[in-house]
């Protein structure tokens, strides 16, 4: 899927590299089948809310999904299955965990 993204479209993927993960975050990402590039998309385009202990949660809302879809264009359809994913980022900038909204 990454090959369909245009160079420079998503800042965290092209300029800064993938967001660092804690060991727990990496395990949860693998267990829950949420790839690194989707995590970075959630951080770049998702809504942000406080998640306690200085952490922040990122997830797609109707509005943020619309912005993401408009920005990416037709390839956004390939990410449709990740609309209910979320990511929690610690106050140190590392991914703490990822999951699915119910």
C-alpha atoms as a PDB file:
ATOM      1  CA  UNK A   1       0.000   0.000   0.000  1.00  0.00           C
ATOM      2  CA  UNK A   2       2.834   2.395   0.744  1.00  0.00           C
ATOM      3  CA  UNK A   3       3.885   2.542  -2.902  1.00  0.00           C
ATOM      4  CA  UNK A   4       0.623   4.302  -3.785  1.00  0.00           C
ATOM      5  CA  UNK A   5       1.361   7.249  -1.491  1.00  0.00           C
ATOM      6  CA  UNK A   6       2.881  10.250  -3.194  1.00  0.00           C
ATOM      7  CA  UNK A   7       6.231  11.463  -1.940  1.00  0.00           C
ATOM      8  CA  UNK A   8       5.835  14.269   0.587  1.00  0.00           C
ATOM      9  CA  UNK A   9       2.116  13.701   1.177  1.00  0.00           C
ATOM     10  CA  UNK A  10       2.370  12.605   4.784  1.00  0.00           C
ATOM     11  CA  UNK A  11       4.909  14.396   6.933  1.00  0.00           C
ATOM     12  CA  UNK A  12       5.584  11.737   9.551  1.00  0.00           C
ATOM     13  CA  UNK A  13       6.156   9.053   6.928  1.00  0.00           C
ATOM     14  CA  UNK A  14       8.421  10.901   4.548  1.00  0.00           C
ATOM     15  CA  UNK A  15      10.268  13.499   6.579  1.00  0.00           C
ATOM     16  CA  UNK A  16      10.607  12.118  10.078  1.00  0.00           C
ATOM     17  CA  UNK A  17      10.326   8.360   9.655  1.00  0.00           C
ATOM     18  CA  UNK A  18       7.920   6.160  11.563  1.00  0.00           C
ATOM     19  CA  UNK A  19       6.764   7.214  15.007  1.00  0.00           C
ATOM     20  CA  UNK A  20       8.756   5.304  17.674  1.00  0.00           C
ATOM     21  CA  UNK A  21       6.932   2.582  19.624  1.00  0.00           C
ATOM     22  CA  UNK A  22       7.222   1.090  23.053  1.00  0.00           C
ATOM     23  CA  UNK A  23       7.604  -2.689  23.160  1.00  0.00           C
ATOM     24  CA  UNK A  24       3.943  -2.942  24.229  1.00  0.00           C
ATOM     25  CA  UNK A  25       2.860  -0.725  21.335  1.00  0.00           C
ATOM     26  CA  UNK A  26       4.766  -2.850  18.821  1.00  0.00           C
ATOM     27  CA  UNK A  27       3.236  -6.055  20.188  1.00  0.00           C
ATOM     28  CA  UNK A  28      -0.298  -4.602  20.108  1.00  0.00           C
ATOM     29  CA  UNK A  29       0.232  -3.285  16.595  1.00  0.00           C
ATOM     30  CA  UNK A  30       1.182  -6.752  15.409  1.00  0.00           C
ATOM     31  CA  UNK A  31      -1.550  -8.553  17.373  1.00  0.00           C
ATOM     32  CA  UNK A  32      -4.255  -6.179  16.156  1.00  0.00           C
ATOM     33  CA  UNK A  33      -2.991  -5.996  12.558  1.00  0.00           C
ATOM     34  CA  UNK A  34      -2.564  -2.229  12.515  1.00  0.00           C
ATOM     35  CA  UNK A  35       0.530  -1.414  10.431  1.00  0.00           C
ATOM     36  CA  UNK A  36       2.997   1.394  11.151  1.00  0.00           C
ATOM     37  CA  UNK A  37       1.917   3.511   8.176  1.00  0.00           C
ATOM     38  CA  UNK A  38      -1.698   3.462   9.417  1.00  0.00           C
ATOM     39  CA  UNK A  39      -0.523   4.559  12.859  1.00  0.00           C
ATOM     40  CA  UNK A  40       1.264   7.510  11.262  1.00  0.00           C
ATOM     41  CA  UNK A  41      -1.853   8.356   9.231  1.00  0.00           C
ATOM     42  CA  UNK A  42      -3.933   8.408  12.414  1.00  0.00           C
ATOM     43  CA  UNK A  43      -1.475  10.793  14.042  1.00  0.00           C
ATOM     44  CA  UNK A  44      -1.321  13.027  10.963  1.00  0.00           C
ATOM     45  CA  UNK A  45      -5.042  13.130  10.149  1.00  0.00           C
ATOM     46  CA  UNK A  46      -6.986  11.815  13.152  1.00  0.00           C
ATOM     47  CA  UNK A  47      -8.775  13.713  15.881  1.00  0.00           C
ATOM     48  CA  UNK A  48      -6.814  14.071  19.112  1.00  0.00           C
ATOM     49  CA  UNK A  49      -8.120  13.732  22.656  1.00  0.00           C
ATOM     50  CA  UNK A  50      -6.516  13.412  26.070  1.00  0.00           C
ATOM     51  CA  UNK A  51      -6.147   9.807  27.184  1.00  0.00           C
ATOM     52  CA  UNK A  52      -4.862  10.377  30.716  1.00  0.00           C
ATOM     53  CA  UNK A  53      -1.373  10.401  32.234  1.00  0.00           C
ATOM     54  CA  UNK A  54      -0.168  12.869  29.604  1.00  0.00           C
ATOM     55  CA  UNK A  55      -1.096  10.541  26.731  1.00  0.00           C
ATOM     56  CA  UNK A  56      -3.166  11.445  23.672  1.00  0.00           C
ATOM     57  CA  UNK A  57      -5.432   9.239  21.575  1.00  0.00           C
ATOM     58  CA  UNK A  58      -5.816   9.699  17.819  1.00  0.00           C
ATOM     59  CA  UNK A  59      -8.725   8.315  15.805  1.00  0.00           C
ATOM     60  CA  UNK A  60     -10.766   9.103  12.710  1.00  0.00           C
ATOM     61  CA  UNK A  61     -14.037  10.991  12.956  1.00  0.00           C
ATOM     62  CA  UNK A  62     -16.337  11.664  10.002  1.00  0.00           C
ATOM     63  CA  UNK A  63     -14.693  15.054   9.566  1.00  0.00           C
ATOM     64  CA  UNK A  64     -11.077  13.870   9.866  1.00  0.00           C
ATOM     65  CA  UNK A  65     -11.773  10.925   7.560  1.00  0.00           C
ATOM     66  CA  UNK A  66     -13.208  13.339   4.980  1.00  0.00           C
ATOM     67  CA  UNK A  67     -10.076  15.518   5.193  1.00  0.00           C
ATOM     68  CA  UNK A  68      -7.854  12.443   4.868  1.00  0.00           C
ATOM     69  CA  UNK A  69      -9.851  11.110   1.909  1.00  0.00           C
ATOM     70  CA  UNK A  70      -9.767  14.455   0.137  1.00  0.00           C
ATOM     71  CA  UNK A  71      -6.031  14.804   0.731  1.00  0.00           C
ATOM     72  CA  UNK A  72      -5.122  11.305  -0.454  1.00  0.00           C
ATOM     73  CA  UNK A  73      -7.753  10.908  -3.158  1.00  0.00           C
ATOM     74  CA  UNK A  74      -8.804   7.548  -4.561  1.00  0.00           C
ATOM     75  CA  UNK A  75      -6.126   5.489  -2.692  1.00  0.00           C
ATOM     76  CA  UNK A  76      -7.880   6.412   0.583  1.00  0.00           C
ATOM     77  CA  UNK A  77     -10.407   3.656  -0.177  1.00  0.00           C
ATOM     78  CA  UNK A  78      -7.673   1.112   0.536  1.00  0.00           C
ATOM     79  CA  UNK A  79      -7.527   2.386   4.130  1.00  0.00           C
ATOM     80  CA  UNK A  80     -11.281   2.114   4.743  1.00  0.00           C
ATOM     81  CA  UNK A  81     -10.835  -0.957   6.961  1.00  0.00           C
ATOM     82  CA  UNK A  82      -8.769   1.156   9.383  1.00  0.00           C
ATOM     83  CA  UNK A  83     -11.436   3.825   9.992  1.00  0.00           C
ATOM     84  CA  UNK A  84     -12.118   2.459  13.483  1.00  0.00           C
ATOM     85  CA  UNK A  85      -8.477   2.109  14.542  1.00  0.00           C
ATOM     86  CA  UNK A  86      -6.930   4.295  17.224  1.00  0.00           C
ATOM     87  CA  UNK A  87      -3.457   4.961  18.574  1.00  0.00           C
ATOM     88  CA  UNK A  88      -2.339   6.194  21.999  1.00  0.00           C
ATOM     89  CA  UNK A  89       0.836   8.288  22.110  1.00  0.00           C
ATOM     90  CA  UNK A  90       2.681   8.893  25.352  1.00  0.00           C
ATOM     91  CA  UNK A  91       3.968  12.253  26.529  1.00  0.00           C
ATOM     92  CA  UNK A  92       7.422  11.201  25.274  1.00  0.00           C
ATOM     93  CA  UNK A  93       6.091  10.810  21.697  1.00  0.00           C
ATOM     94  CA  UNK A  94       6.214   7.016  21.636  1.00  0.00           C
ATOM     95  CA  UNK A  95       3.296   4.810  20.629  1.00  0.00           C
ATOM     96  CA  UNK A  96       1.931   3.254  23.826  1.00  0.00           C
ATOM     97  CA  UNK A  97      -0.786   1.084  22.291  1.00  0.00           C
ATOM     98  CA  UNK A  98      -3.108   0.728  19.313  1.00  0.00           C
ATOM     99  CA  UNK A  99      -6.538  -0.820  18.994  1.00  0.00           C
ATOM    100  CA  UNK A 100      -9.994  -0.770  17.503  1.00  0.00           C
ATOM    101  CA  UNK A 101     -12.874   1.458  18.599  1.00  0.00           C
ATOM    102  CA  UNK A 102     -16.049  -0.460  19.370  1.00  0.00           C
END
